[in-house]
Each structure stands twice: as C-alpha cells, then as structure tokens.
Amino acid sequence: MASTSATYIGLLLLTGKSILAINRSRGDAAAITFVLASYLSLVQLFYCLRWFEASPQGSAARDKARLGVWLTTALLTAMFSWRVAAVMPWPVAAGVWFMGGSTIAGGFYALFLHRP
C-alpha cells in the first residue's frame, strides 16, 4: 500500500496547481470547468485506488473499486483527448481520439477480461 504521507503530499500539490490554474483562467468559464472537473476526477481516482488497495482479494468491494478506477480513468482520458484534439488539425485529432479510445478499451480488457 502506498505511503499515506506521499498521497497527502500529492493531493496538496494537485490542489495547489489546480488553484493556480483557476487563478490564471479568470474569466474563461470553460477552462475553469475543465480544471475543476479534472481535479475532482483525480481526487476520485485517488479514492478508488485507496479503496481497491484496502479491499480483500476477490471481494465484491474490490470489484466495485476496480470499476470505479476504470470509469474514472476513462473519464480523464476522454477529457484530455477532447482538450488536445480541439487544438489539433483533424487528422491528428483523429489519431488522438483513436489513441484515447484504445487506451480506454485496453484498460477495460486488462481490468475485467484478462485473467492471468
């Protein structure tokens, strides 16, 4: 299990950087919304990962935490793909979306379908 102090330091740095990004984005509602959604999704990911690590092997709680991890990472991947693709020419944007979709599908396979 990861160190609790390292987790708190990471969350503190994430919070500070998010506050700075919101401060720089004053007046741009879309940018502020993106920063807040990203921040809340990352906090949710930390929570789901901690829940996954604390759950006993093979339990229903662990399966729910695994689903939470995948949904949160899929959301973050889609959000960042959308943001990057918006500033790219269409062939590159299509590649960004393809890579994001492949990452989400690969994560689903690795977390739910692949059994070692």
N, C-alpha and C. Protein backbone atom coordinates (compact mmCIF):
# COMPACT_ATOMS: atom_id res chain seq x y z
N MET A 1 0.85 -1.17 0.00
CA MET A 1 0.00 0.00 0.00
C MET A 1 0.90 1.24 0.00
N ALA A 2 0.50 2.23 -0.76
CA ALA A 2 1.29 3.45 -0.89
C ALA A 2 1.32 4.20 0.43
N SER A 3 2.37 4.97 0.58
CA SER A 3 2.54 5.76 1.79
C SER A 3 1.45 6.83 1.89
N THR A 4 0.87 6.95 3.07
CA THR A 4 -0.18 7.94 3.27
C THR A 4 0.38 9.35 3.15
N SER A 5 1.57 9.58 3.65
CA SER A 5 2.16 10.91 3.55
C SER A 5 2.44 11.29 2.10
N ALA A 6 2.87 10.34 1.29
CA ALA A 6 3.10 10.62 -0.13
C ALA A 6 1.78 10.96 -0.83
N THR A 7 0.72 10.28 -0.45
CA THR A 7 -0.59 10.57 -1.02
C THR A 7 -1.04 11.97 -0.66
N TYR A 8 -0.87 12.34 0.60
CA TYR A 8 -1.27 13.68 1.03
C TYR A 8 -0.43 14.77 0.37
N ILE A 9 0.84 14.51 0.20
CA ILE A 9 1.70 15.49 -0.49
C ILE A 9 1.26 15.62 -1.94
N GLY A 10 0.96 14.50 -2.58
CA GLY A 10 0.48 14.54 -3.96
C GLY A 10 -0.83 15.31 -4.08
N LEU A 11 -1.76 15.07 -3.16
CA LEU A 11 -3.02 15.80 -3.19
C LEU A 11 -2.82 17.29 -2.91
N LEU A 12 -1.91 17.61 -2.03
CA LEU A 12 -1.61 19.01 -1.73
C LEU A 12 -1.03 19.71 -2.96
N LEU A 13 -0.10 19.06 -3.65
CA LEU A 13 0.46 19.64 -4.87
C LEU A 13 -0.59 19.76 -5.97
N LEU A 14 -1.43 18.74 -6.11
CA LEU A 14 -2.51 18.78 -7.09
C LEU A 14 -3.47 19.94 -6.80
N THR A 15 -3.82 20.12 -5.53
CA THR A 15 -4.71 21.22 -5.15
C THR A 15 -4.07 22.57 -5.44
N GLY A 16 -2.81 22.72 -5.08
CA GLY A 16 -2.11 23.98 -5.34
C GLY A 16 -2.03 24.31 -6.82
N LYS A 17 -1.69 23.33 -7.62
CA LYS A 17 -1.59 23.56 -9.07
C LYS A 17 -2.96 23.87 -9.66
N SER A 18 -3.99 23.22 -9.15
CA SER A 18 -5.34 23.48 -9.65
C SER A 18 -5.78 24.90 -9.29
N ILE A 19 -5.47 25.34 -8.10
CA ILE A 19 -5.79 26.72 -7.70
C ILE A 19 -5.06 27.71 -8.58
N LEU A 20 -3.78 27.46 -8.86
CA LEU A 20 -3.03 28.35 -9.74
C LEU A 20 -3.61 28.37 -11.15
N ALA A 21 -4.02 27.21 -11.65
CA ALA A 21 -4.61 27.14 -13.00
C ALA A 21 -5.93 27.89 -13.06
N ILE A 22 -6.74 27.77 -12.01
CA ILE A 22 -8.01 28.51 -11.97
C ILE A 22 -7.74 30.00 -11.89
N ASN A 23 -6.75 30.39 -11.11
CA ASN A 23 -6.39 31.81 -10.98
C ASN A 23 -5.95 32.38 -12.33
N ARG A 24 -5.18 31.61 -13.10
CA ARG A 24 -4.73 32.06 -14.43
C ARG A 24 -5.86 32.07 -15.44
N SER A 25 -6.92 31.31 -15.18
CA SER A 25 -8.02 31.18 -16.13
C SER A 25 -9.19 32.10 -15.81
N ARG A 26 -8.96 33.11 -15.00
CA ARG A 26 -10.05 34.01 -14.62
C ARG A 26 -10.76 34.54 -15.86
N GLY A 27 -12.09 34.45 -15.85
CA GLY A 27 -12.87 34.94 -16.97
C GLY A 27 -13.16 33.90 -18.04
N ASP A 28 -12.45 32.77 -18.03
CA ASP A 28 -12.67 31.72 -19.03
C ASP A 28 -13.39 30.56 -18.34
N ALA A 29 -14.72 30.57 -18.44
CA ALA A 29 -15.53 29.58 -17.73
C ALA A 29 -15.23 28.16 -18.18
N ALA A 30 -14.96 27.97 -19.48
CA ALA A 30 -14.67 26.62 -19.98
C ALA A 30 -13.38 26.08 -19.38
N ALA A 31 -12.36 26.92 -19.28
CA ALA A 31 -11.08 26.48 -18.70
C ALA A 31 -11.22 26.18 -17.21
N ILE A 32 -11.97 27.00 -16.51
CA ILE A 32 -12.17 26.76 -15.08
C ILE A 32 -12.95 25.46 -14.86
N THR A 33 -13.97 25.24 -15.67
CA THR A 33 -14.75 24.00 -15.57
C THR A 33 -13.87 22.78 -15.85
N PHE A 34 -13.01 22.89 -16.86
CA PHE A 34 -12.12 21.78 -17.19
C PHE A 34 -11.17 21.49 -16.02
N VAL A 35 -10.59 22.53 -15.44
CA VAL A 35 -9.67 22.34 -14.32
C VAL A 35 -10.40 21.71 -13.13
N LEU A 36 -11.58 22.21 -12.81
CA LEU A 36 -12.33 21.65 -11.68
C LEU A 36 -12.74 20.20 -11.93
N ALA A 37 -13.21 19.91 -13.13
CA ALA A 37 -13.60 18.53 -13.45
C ALA A 37 -12.39 17.60 -13.40
N SER A 38 -11.26 18.06 -13.91
CA SER A 38 -10.04 17.24 -13.86
C SER A 38 -9.60 17.01 -12.42
N TYR A 39 -9.65 18.06 -11.62
CA TYR A 39 -9.25 17.96 -10.22
C TYR A 39 -10.14 16.97 -9.48
N LEU A 40 -11.45 17.12 -9.63
CA LEU A 40 -12.39 16.23 -8.93
C LEU A 40 -12.25 14.78 -9.41
N SER A 41 -11.99 14.59 -10.69
CA SER A 41 -11.79 13.24 -11.22
C SER A 41 -10.52 12.61 -10.67
N LEU A 42 -9.47 13.39 -10.55
CA LEU A 42 -8.22 12.85 -9.99
C LEU A 42 -8.37 12.52 -8.51
N VAL A 43 -9.10 13.35 -7.77
CA VAL A 43 -9.36 13.04 -6.36
C VAL A 43 -10.18 11.75 -6.26
N GLN A 44 -11.18 11.61 -7.14
CA GLN A 44 -11.98 10.38 -7.17
C GLN A 44 -11.10 9.17 -7.50
N LEU A 45 -10.15 9.34 -8.40
CA LEU A 45 -9.24 8.24 -8.74
C LEU A 45 -8.39 7.84 -7.54
N PHE A 46 -7.87 8.83 -6.81
CA PHE A 46 -7.11 8.53 -5.59
C PHE A 46 -7.98 7.73 -4.61
N TYR A 47 -9.22 8.15 -4.46
CA TYR A 47 -10.14 7.47 -3.54
C TYR A 47 -10.38 6.03 -3.98
N CYS A 48 -10.68 5.84 -5.26
CA CYS A 48 -10.95 4.49 -5.76
C CYS A 48 -9.72 3.58 -5.65
N LEU A 49 -8.54 4.14 -5.92
CA LEU A 49 -7.32 3.34 -5.79
C LEU A 49 -7.08 2.93 -4.34
N ARG A 50 -7.33 3.84 -3.41
CA ARG A 50 -7.16 3.53 -1.99
C ARG A 50 -8.17 2.46 -1.58
N TRP A 51 -9.40 2.58 -2.07
CA TRP A 51 -10.46 1.60 -1.80
C TRP A 51 -10.07 0.24 -2.37
N PHE A 52 -9.52 0.23 -3.58
CA PHE A 52 -9.08 -1.02 -4.21
C PHE A 52 -7.98 -1.68 -3.40
N GLU A 53 -6.99 -0.89 -2.96
CA GLU A 53 -5.88 -1.45 -2.19
C GLU A 53 -6.33 -1.99 -0.83
N ALA A 54 -7.34 -1.37 -0.24
CA ALA A 54 -7.79 -1.77 1.10
C ALA A 54 -8.75 -2.96 1.06
N SER A 55 -9.33 -3.25 -0.09
CA SER A 55 -10.32 -4.33 -0.19
C SER A 55 -9.62 -5.69 -0.25
N PRO A 56 -10.24 -6.70 0.37
CA PRO A 56 -9.67 -8.04 0.31
C PRO A 56 -9.74 -8.62 -1.10
N GLN A 57 -8.76 -9.44 -1.42
CA GLN A 57 -8.69 -10.09 -2.74
C GLN A 57 -9.96 -10.88 -3.01
N GLY A 58 -10.56 -10.67 -4.20
CA GLY A 58 -11.73 -11.43 -4.61
C GLY A 58 -13.05 -10.96 -4.02
N SER A 59 -13.08 -9.85 -3.29
CA SER A 59 -14.31 -9.38 -2.68
C SER A 59 -15.11 -8.53 -3.67
N ALA A 60 -16.40 -8.35 -3.36
CA ALA A 60 -17.27 -7.50 -4.19
C ALA A 60 -16.82 -6.05 -4.11
N ALA A 61 -16.32 -5.63 -2.96
CA ALA A 61 -15.85 -4.25 -2.80
C ALA A 61 -14.66 -3.98 -3.73
N ARG A 62 -13.80 -4.96 -3.88
CA ARG A 62 -12.65 -4.81 -4.77
C ARG A 62 -13.09 -4.69 -6.22
N ASP A 63 -14.12 -5.46 -6.60
CA ASP A 63 -14.65 -5.37 -7.96
C ASP A 63 -15.28 -4.00 -8.21
N LYS A 64 -16.00 -3.47 -7.23
CA LYS A 64 -16.59 -2.14 -7.36
C LYS A 64 -15.51 -1.07 -7.45
N ALA A 65 -14.47 -1.22 -6.67
CA ALA A 65 -13.36 -0.26 -6.72
C ALA A 65 -12.66 -0.34 -8.07
N ARG A 66 -12.50 -1.54 -8.60
CA ARG A 66 -11.89 -1.72 -9.93
C ARG A 66 -12.73 -1.00 -10.99
N LEU A 67 -14.05 -1.13 -10.90
CA LEU A 67 -14.93 -0.43 -11.83
C LEU A 67 -14.80 1.08 -11.68
N GLY A 68 -14.71 1.55 -10.44
CA GLY A 68 -14.52 2.98 -10.20
C GLY A 68 -13.22 3.50 -10.78
N VAL A 69 -12.15 2.71 -10.65
CA VAL A 69 -10.86 3.10 -11.22
C VAL A 69 -10.96 3.19 -12.73
N TRP A 70 -11.59 2.18 -13.35
CA TRP A 70 -11.69 2.20 -14.81
C TRP A 70 -12.56 3.36 -15.30
N LEU A 71 -13.71 3.57 -14.67
CA LEU A 71 -14.58 4.67 -15.09
C LEU A 71 -13.90 6.03 -14.94
N THR A 72 -13.18 6.21 -13.85
CA THR A 72 -12.51 7.49 -13.62
C THR A 72 -11.38 7.70 -14.61
N THR A 73 -10.59 6.67 -14.88
CA THR A 73 -9.52 6.83 -15.86
C THR A 73 -10.07 7.01 -17.26
N ALA A 74 -11.20 6.35 -17.57
CA ALA A 74 -11.83 6.55 -18.88
C ALA A 74 -12.33 7.98 -19.02
N LEU A 75 -12.92 8.53 -17.97
CA LEU A 75 -13.36 9.92 -17.99
C LEU A 75 -12.19 10.87 -18.19
N LEU A 76 -11.13 10.66 -17.45
CA LEU A 76 -9.95 11.53 -17.59
C LEU A 76 -9.33 11.42 -18.98
N THR A 77 -9.25 10.22 -19.52
CA THR A 77 -8.71 10.04 -20.86
C THR A 77 -9.57 10.76 -21.89
N ALA A 78 -10.89 10.63 -21.78
CA ALA A 78 -11.79 11.31 -22.72
C ALA A 78 -11.68 12.82 -22.59
N MET A 79 -11.59 13.32 -21.36
CA MET A 79 -11.49 14.76 -21.16
C MET A 79 -10.21 15.33 -21.76
N PHE A 80 -9.10 14.66 -21.51
CA PHE A 80 -7.82 15.17 -22.03
C PHE A 80 -7.73 14.98 -23.54
N SER A 81 -8.31 13.90 -24.07
CA SER A 81 -8.35 13.72 -25.53
C SER A 81 -9.15 14.84 -26.18
N TRP A 82 -10.29 15.15 -25.59
CA TRP A 82 -11.14 16.23 -26.11
C TRP A 82 -10.38 17.55 -26.12
N ARG A 83 -9.69 17.82 -25.03
CA ARG A 83 -8.96 19.10 -24.90
C ARG A 83 -7.81 19.18 -25.91
N VAL A 84 -7.06 18.10 -26.07
CA VAL A 84 -5.93 18.10 -27.01
C VAL A 84 -6.43 18.10 -28.45
N ALA A 85 -7.45 17.30 -28.75
CA ALA A 85 -7.95 17.21 -30.12
C ALA A 85 -8.53 18.54 -30.59
N ALA A 86 -9.02 19.36 -29.67
CA ALA A 86 -9.62 20.64 -30.04
C ALA A 86 -8.62 21.61 -30.67
N VAL A 87 -7.33 21.44 -30.38
CA VAL A 87 -6.32 22.37 -30.90
C VAL A 87 -5.47 21.75 -32.00
N MET A 88 -5.85 20.57 -32.47
CA MET A 88 -5.08 19.87 -33.49
C MET A 88 -5.82 19.89 -34.83
N PRO A 89 -5.06 19.76 -35.94
CA PRO A 89 -5.74 19.56 -37.22
C PRO A 89 -6.48 18.22 -37.21
N TRP A 90 -7.50 18.07 -38.06
CA TRP A 90 -8.38 16.91 -37.95
C TRP A 90 -7.67 15.56 -38.07
N PRO A 91 -6.63 15.38 -38.91
CA PRO A 91 -6.01 14.04 -38.94
C PRO A 91 -5.31 13.70 -37.61
N VAL A 92 -4.69 14.70 -37.01
CA VAL A 92 -4.03 14.47 -35.73
C VAL A 92 -5.07 14.27 -34.64
N ALA A 93 -6.17 15.05 -34.69
CA ALA A 93 -7.25 14.89 -33.72
C ALA A 93 -7.84 13.49 -33.78
N ALA A 94 -7.99 12.97 -35.01
CA ALA A 94 -8.50 11.60 -35.16
C ALA A 94 -7.53 10.61 -34.51
N GLY A 95 -6.24 10.83 -34.65
CA GLY A 95 -5.24 9.98 -34.01
C GLY A 95 -5.31 10.07 -32.50
N VAL A 96 -5.52 11.28 -31.99
CA VAL A 96 -5.65 11.46 -30.54
C VAL A 96 -6.85 10.69 -30.02
N TRP A 97 -7.99 10.81 -30.71
CA TRP A 97 -9.19 10.08 -30.29
C TRP A 97 -9.01 8.58 -30.41
N PHE A 98 -8.32 8.13 -31.45
CA PHE A 98 -8.06 6.70 -31.61
C PHE A 98 -7.19 6.18 -30.46
N MET A 99 -6.15 6.93 -30.12
CA MET A 99 -5.27 6.51 -29.03
C MET A 99 -6.00 6.53 -27.69
N GLY A 100 -6.82 7.55 -27.47
CA GLY A 100 -7.60 7.61 -26.24
C GLY A 100 -8.58 6.44 -26.14
N GLY A 101 -9.29 6.16 -27.24
CA GLY A 101 -10.22 5.03 -27.25
C GLY A 101 -9.51 3.71 -27.05
N SER A 102 -8.34 3.57 -27.65
CA SER A 102 -7.55 2.34 -27.49
C SER A 102 -7.11 2.17 -26.04
N THR A 103 -6.74 3.26 -25.41
CA THR A 103 -6.33 3.22 -24.01
C THR A 103 -7.49 2.80 -23.12
N ILE A 104 -8.66 3.36 -23.37
CA ILE A 104 -9.84 3.01 -22.57
C ILE A 104 -10.20 1.54 -22.79
N ALA A 105 -10.20 1.09 -24.05
CA ALA A 105 -10.52 -0.31 -24.34
C ALA A 105 -9.47 -1.25 -23.75
N GLY A 106 -8.20 -0.88 -23.85
CA GLY A 106 -7.14 -1.70 -23.27
C GLY A 106 -7.25 -1.80 -21.76
N GLY A 107 -7.61 -0.70 -21.13
CA GLY A 107 -7.81 -0.71 -19.68
C GLY A 107 -8.96 -1.62 -19.29
N PHE A 108 -10.04 -1.57 -20.06
CA PHE A 108 -11.18 -2.45 -19.79
C PHE A 108 -10.77 -3.91 -19.91
N TYR A 109 -10.03 -4.21 -20.97
CA TYR A 109 -9.56 -5.59 -21.16
C TYR A 109 -8.67 -6.03 -20.00
N ALA A 110 -7.73 -5.17 -19.63
CA ALA A 110 -6.78 -5.53 -18.57
C ALA A 110 -7.45 -5.68 -17.21
N LEU A 111 -8.44 -4.85 -16.93
CA LEU A 111 -9.06 -4.88 -15.60
C LEU A 111 -10.20 -5.90 -15.47
N PHE A 112 -10.89 -6.21 -16.58
CA PHE A 112 -12.09 -7.02 -16.46
C PHE A 112 -12.07 -8.34 -17.23
N LEU A 113 -11.40 -8.37 -18.36
CA LEU A 113 -11.46 -9.57 -19.21
C LEU A 113 -10.25 -10.49 -19.08
N HIS A 114 -9.08 -9.92 -18.91
CA HIS A 114 -7.84 -10.71 -18.85
C HIS A 114 -7.70 -11.35 -17.47
N ARG A 115 -7.58 -12.64 -17.47
CA ARG A 115 -7.36 -13.38 -16.20
C ARG A 115 -6.05 -14.13 -16.32
N PRO A 116 -5.06 -13.78 -15.51
CA PRO A 116 -3.77 -14.47 -15.61
C PRO A 116 -3.86 -15.92 -15.14
